[in-house]
C-alpha atoms as a PDB file:
ATOM      1  CA  MET A   1      -0.005   0.001   0.014  1.00  0.00           C
ATOM      2  CA  GLN A   2       2.849   2.310   0.768  1.00  0.00           C
ATOM      3  CA  SER A   3       4.333   1.825  -2.704  1.00  0.00           C
ATOM      4  CA  SER A   4       0.981   2.698  -4.341  1.00  0.00           C
ATOM      5  CA  ARG A   5       0.856   5.947  -2.284  1.00  0.00           C
ATOM      6  CA  LEU A   6       4.407   6.707  -3.286  1.00  0.00           C
ATOM      7  CA  ALA A   7       3.541   6.034  -6.949  1.00  0.00           C
ATOM      8  CA  ALA A   8       0.465   8.307  -6.606  1.00  0.00           C
ATOM      9  CA  TRP A   9       2.533  11.097  -5.094  1.00  0.00           C
ATOM     10  CA  GLN A  10       5.172  10.699  -7.811  1.00  0.00           C
ATOM     11  CA  SER A  11       2.444  10.936 -10.429  1.00  0.00           C
ATOM     12  CA  VAL A  12       1.053  14.106  -8.815  1.00  0.00           C
ATOM     13  CA  ALA A  13       4.568  15.568  -8.561  1.00  0.00           C
ATOM     14  CA  HIS A  14       5.181  14.730 -12.247  1.00  0.00           C
ATOM     15  CA  ARG A  15       1.917  16.438 -13.260  1.00  0.00           C
ATOM     16  CA  ILE A  16       2.833  19.552 -11.205  1.00  0.00           C
ATOM     17  CA  LYS A  17       6.232  19.731 -12.931  1.00  0.00           C
ATOM     18  CA  LEU A  18       4.608  19.458 -16.330  1.00  0.00           C
ATOM     19  CA  HIS A  19       2.029  22.025 -15.372  1.00  0.00           C
ATOM     20  CA  CYS A  20       4.752  24.467 -14.218  1.00  0.00           C
ATOM     21  CA  MET A  21       7.074  23.764 -17.138  1.00  0.00           C
ATOM     22  CA  LYS A  22       4.437  24.339 -19.809  1.00  0.00           C
ATOM     23  CA  PRO A  23       4.197  28.134 -19.285  1.00  0.00           C
ATOM     24  CA  ILE A  24       7.985  28.412 -19.115  1.00  0.00           C
ATOM     25  CA  ALA A  25       8.331  26.505 -22.366  1.00  0.00           C
ATOM     26  CA  LEU A  26       5.677  28.677 -24.050  1.00  0.00           C
ATOM     27  CA  ALA A  27       7.366  31.832 -22.742  1.00  0.00           C
ATOM     28  CA  LEU A  28      10.729  30.701 -24.161  1.00  0.00           C
ATOM     29  CA  LEU A  29       9.113  29.823 -27.474  1.00  0.00           C
ATOM     30  CA  GLY A  30       7.468  33.243 -27.615  1.00  0.00           C
ATOM     31  CA  PHE A  31      10.736  34.963 -26.738  1.00  0.00           C
ATOM     32  CA  PHE A  32      12.643  33.195 -29.532  1.00  0.00           C
ATOM     33  CA  ALA A  33       9.892  33.841 -32.063  1.00  0.00           C
ATOM     34  CA  PHE A  34       9.894  37.581 -31.134  1.00  0.00           C
ATOM     35  CA  THR A  35      13.731  37.713 -31.344  1.00  0.00           C
ATOM     36  CA  PHE A  36      13.728  36.092 -34.766  1.00  0.00           C
ATOM     37  CA  THR A  37      10.995  38.443 -36.047  1.00  0.00           C
ATOM     38  CA  ALA A  38      12.768  41.523 -34.656  1.00  0.00           C
ATOM     39  CA  ALA A  39      16.058  40.415 -36.160  1.00  0.00           C
ATOM     40  CA  ARG A  40      14.416  39.919 -39.535  1.00  0.00           C
ATOM     41  CA  ALA A  41      12.772  43.362 -39.336  1.00  0.00           C
ATOM     42  CA  GLN A  42      16.180  44.930 -38.625  1.00  0.00           C
ATOM     43  CA  GLU A  43      17.659  43.133 -41.651  1.00  0.00           C
ATOM     44  CA  ASP A  44      14.885  44.647 -43.814  1.00  0.00           C
ATOM     45  CA  GLY A  45      15.680  48.042 -42.284  1.00  0.00           C
ATOM     46  CA  ALA A  46      14.143  51.078 -43.918  1.00  0.00           C
ATOM     47  CA  LEU A  47      14.030  49.446 -47.339  1.00  0.00           C
ATOM     48  CA  PRO A  48      12.016  46.167 -47.323  1.00  0.00           C
ATOM     49  CA  PHE A  49      11.515  46.362 -51.120  1.00  0.00           C
ATOM     50  CA  PRO A  50      13.383  48.178 -53.929  1.00  0.00           C
ATOM     51  CA  VAL A  51      12.356  51.773 -54.717  1.00  0.00           C
ATOM     52  CA  SER A  52      13.800  54.037 -57.393  1.00  0.00           C
ATOM     53  CA  ILE A  53      13.238  57.748 -57.990  1.00  0.00           C
ATOM     54  CA  GLY A  54      14.327  59.336 -61.240  1.00  0.00           C
ATOM     55  CA  GLY A  55      16.072  56.153 -62.289  1.00  0.00           C
ATOM     56  CA  GLN A  56      18.184  55.993 -59.157  1.00  0.00           C
ATOM     57  CA  ALA A  57      17.847  53.100 -56.745  1.00  0.00           C
ATOM     58  CA  ALA A  58      17.452  54.006 -53.079  1.00  0.00           C
ATOM     59  CA  THR A  59      20.232  52.531 -50.954  1.00  0.00           C
ATOM     60  CA  TYR A  60      20.151  51.458 -47.344  1.00  0.00           C
ATOM     61  CA  LYS A  61      23.141  51.154 -45.029  1.00  0.00           C
ATOM     62  CA  LYS A  62      22.682  48.864 -42.042  1.00  0.00           C
ATOM     63  CA  GLY A  63      22.229  50.829 -38.795  1.00  0.00           C
ATOM     64  CA  GLU A  64      20.845  53.944 -40.482  1.00  0.00           C
ATOM     65  CA  PRO A  65      17.210  54.919 -39.815  1.00  0.00           C
ATOM     66  CA  PHE A  66      16.442  55.719 -43.474  1.00  0.00           C
ATOM     67  CA  ALA A  67      17.389  54.662 -46.992  1.00  0.00           C
ATOM     68  CA  ARG A  68      18.765  57.466 -49.180  1.00  0.00           C
ATOM     69  CA  MET A  69      18.916  58.565 -52.796  1.00  0.00           C
ATOM     70  CA  PRO A  70      22.503  59.062 -53.987  1.00  0.00           C
ATOM     71  CA  LYS A  71      21.758  62.305 -55.925  1.00  0.00           C
ATOM     72  CA  PRO A  72      19.054  64.992 -56.063  1.00  0.00           C
ATOM     73  CA  VAL A  73      16.067  64.352 -58.360  1.00  0.00           C
ATOM     74  CA  LYS A  74      13.767  66.549 -60.432  1.00  0.00           C
ATOM     75  CA  ASN A  75      10.308  67.464 -59.048  1.00  0.00           C
ATOM     76  CA  ASP A  76       8.627  65.331 -61.723  1.00  0.00           C
ATOM     77  CA  ALA A  77      10.951  62.295 -61.394  1.00  0.00           C
ATOM     78  CA  ALA A  78       9.571  58.873 -62.125  1.00  0.00           C
ATOM     79  CA  ILE A  79       8.966  56.550 -59.130  1.00  0.00           C
ATOM     80  CA  GLU A  80       9.177  52.792 -59.363  1.00  0.00           C
ATOM     81  CA  VAL A  81       8.315  50.425 -56.518  1.00  0.00           C
ATOM     82  CA  THR A  82       9.216  46.759 -56.953  1.00  0.00           C
ATOM     83  CA  THR A  83       6.272  45.072 -55.239  1.00  0.00           C
ATOM     84  CA  LYS A  84       3.229  43.138 -56.330  1.00  0.00           C
ATOM     85  CA  ALA A  85       0.748  45.161 -54.226  1.00  0.00           C
ATOM     86  CA  ALA A  86      -2.540  46.210 -55.844  1.00  0.00           C
ATOM     87  CA  MET A  87      -2.321  49.529 -53.918  1.00  0.00           C
ATOM     88  CA  THR A  88       0.817  51.433 -53.011  1.00  0.00           C
ATOM     89  CA  ILE A  89       0.519  54.613 -50.860  1.00  0.00           C
ATOM     90  CA  ILE A  90       3.372  57.124 -51.037  1.00  0.00           C
ATOM     91  CA  ASN A  91       3.651  60.066 -48.595  1.00  0.00           C
ATOM     92  CA  VAL A  92       6.248  62.737 -49.356  1.00  0.00           C
ATOM     93  CA  ASN A  93       7.055  65.002 -46.396  1.00  0.00           C
ATOM     94  CA  LYS A  94       9.379  68.008 -46.291  1.00  0.00           C
ATOM     95  CA  VAL A  95      12.216  67.481 -43.794  1.00  0.00           C
ATOM     96  CA  ASN A  96      15.371  69.224 -42.578  1.00  0.00           C
ATOM     97  CA  ASP A  97      18.866  67.833 -43.301  1.00  0.00           C
ATOM     98  CA  LYS A  98      18.602  65.517 -40.270  1.00  0.00           C
ATOM     99  CA  GLY A  99      15.425  63.912 -41.605  1.00  0.00           C
ATOM    100  CA  GLU A 100      13.215  65.635 -39.044  1.00  0.00           C
ATOM    101  CA  PRO A 101       9.785  66.809 -40.239  1.00  0.00           C
ATOM    102  CA  ALA A 102       9.577  70.473 -41.279  1.00  0.00           C
ATOM    103  CA  PRO A 103       7.139  72.619 -39.255  1.00  0.00           C
ATOM    104  CA  ASN A 104       3.762  73.176 -40.926  1.00  0.00           C
ATOM    105  CA  GLY A 105       4.553  70.712 -43.639  1.00  0.00           C
ATOM    106  CA  ASN A 106       1.661  69.002 -45.439  1.00  0.00           C
ATOM    107  CA  PRO A 107       2.490  65.669 -47.021  1.00  0.00           C
ATOM    108  CA  ALA A 108       2.082  65.155 -50.719  1.00  0.00           C
ATOM    109  CA  ILE A 109       0.227  61.880 -51.357  1.00  0.00           C
ATOM    110  CA  ILE A 110       0.738  59.677 -54.384  1.00  0.00           C
ATOM    111  CA  LEU A 111      -1.364  56.547 -54.984  1.00  0.00           C
ATOM    112  CA  LEU A 112      -0.302  53.743 -57.263  1.00  0.00           C
ATOM    113  CA  GLN A 113      -3.236  51.477 -58.107  1.00  0.00           C
ATOM    114  CA  ASN A 114      -2.554  48.224 -59.979  1.00  0.00           C
ATOM    115  CA  THR A 115       0.826  49.576 -61.088  1.00  0.00           C
ATOM    116  CA  ASN A 116       4.280  49.927 -59.613  1.00  0.00           C
ATOM    117  CA  LYS A 117       5.157  53.142 -61.496  1.00  0.00           C
ATOM    118  CA  GLY A 118       4.283  56.760 -60.903  1.00  0.00           C
ATOM    119  CA  SER A 119       5.971  60.152 -60.559  1.00  0.00           C
ATOM    120  CA  LEU A 120       6.543  62.915 -58.065  1.00  0.00           C
ATOM    121  CA  ALA A 121       4.287  65.051 -60.265  1.00  0.00           C
ATOM    122  CA  GLY A 122       1.374  62.612 -59.660  1.00  0.00           C
ATOM    123  CA  THR A 123       0.287  63.961 -56.269  1.00  0.00           C
ATOM    124  CA  MET A 124      -3.364  63.753 -55.415  1.00  0.00           C
ATOM    125  CA  ASP A 125      -3.725  67.524 -55.088  1.00  0.00           C
ATOM    126  CA  LYS A 126      -1.709  68.059 -58.304  1.00  0.00           C
ATOM    127  CA  SER A 127       0.742  70.332 -56.455  1.00  0.00           C
ATOM    128  CA  LYS A 128       4.386  70.549 -57.505  1.00  0.00           C
ATOM    129  CA  ILE A 129       7.051  69.498 -55.060  1.00  0.00           C
ATOM    130  CA  ALA A 130       9.350  72.425 -54.329  1.00  0.00           C
ATOM    131  CA  PRO A 131      13.160  72.082 -54.173  1.00  0.00           C
ATOM    132  CA  GLY A 132      14.386  70.885 -50.778  1.00  0.00           C
ATOM    133  CA  SER A 133      14.857  67.776 -48.634  1.00  0.00           C
ATOM    134  CA  TYR A 134      12.100  65.190 -48.295  1.00  0.00           C
ATOM    135  CA  ALA A 135      11.273  61.888 -46.638  1.00  0.00           C
ATOM    136  CA  MET A 136       9.235  59.469 -48.703  1.00  0.00           C
ATOM    137  CA  SER A 137       7.279  56.705 -47.001  1.00  0.00           C
ATOM    138  CA  VAL A 138       6.186  53.987 -49.423  1.00  0.00           C
ATOM    139  CA  VAL A 139       3.598  51.565 -48.016  1.00  0.00           C
ATOM    140  CA  ALA A 140       2.901  48.314 -49.887  1.00  0.00           C
ATOM    141  CA  ASP A 141       2.223  44.705 -48.914  1.00  0.00           C
ATOM    142  CA  GLY A 142       2.021  45.663 -45.225  1.00  0.00           C
ATOM    143  CA  LYS A 143       5.608  47.013 -45.257  1.00  0.00           C
ATOM    144  CA  THR A 144       7.017  50.551 -45.327  1.00  0.00           C
ATOM    145  CA  ALA A 145      10.091  51.793 -47.110  1.00  0.00           C
ATOM    146  CA  THR A 146      11.381  55.144 -45.858  1.00  0.00           C
ATOM    147  CA  ILE A 147      13.725  57.125 -48.107  1.00  0.00           C
ATOM    148  CA  LEU A 148      15.375  60.524 -47.693  1.00  0.00           C
ATOM    149  CA  PHE A 149      15.970  62.453 -50.929  1.00  0.00           C
ATOM    150  CA  LYS A 150      16.453  65.954 -52.319  1.00  0.00           C
ATOM    151  CA  VAL A 151      14.552  67.693 -55.066  1.00  0.00           C
ATOM    152  CA  GLU A 152      16.596  70.139 -57.194  1.00  0.00           C
END
């Protein structure tokens, strides 16, 4: 009888261990999944898909907050986004040389529907983009590419 009690207590102790270990195992699994996802997001950086403006490809250097255009572009430069999204939303915001938003700046909005090509002249309000520094946020396929560029 004593061995059956011992076996019962061992069974209860085993269940308690499993019950306590399950949340720890799930927490570790969640931690590793989050770490992998965060690392992948950092690899993508500010340029998760190719974007070109005026025939120039935006370039991203690891560790920088934004991708950049190598040279200034014209205010009617062509835009090409290499993605298969049915809708691409582009916001163009005036910024200072550090990439900080300019005060009282209204974004220019460009929509690409069922195409991956457009131009800086294709803003929704038909306004021209003045010379200066800009940040372009390109949203497609649930990802955002952020590019700093200058208009001459």
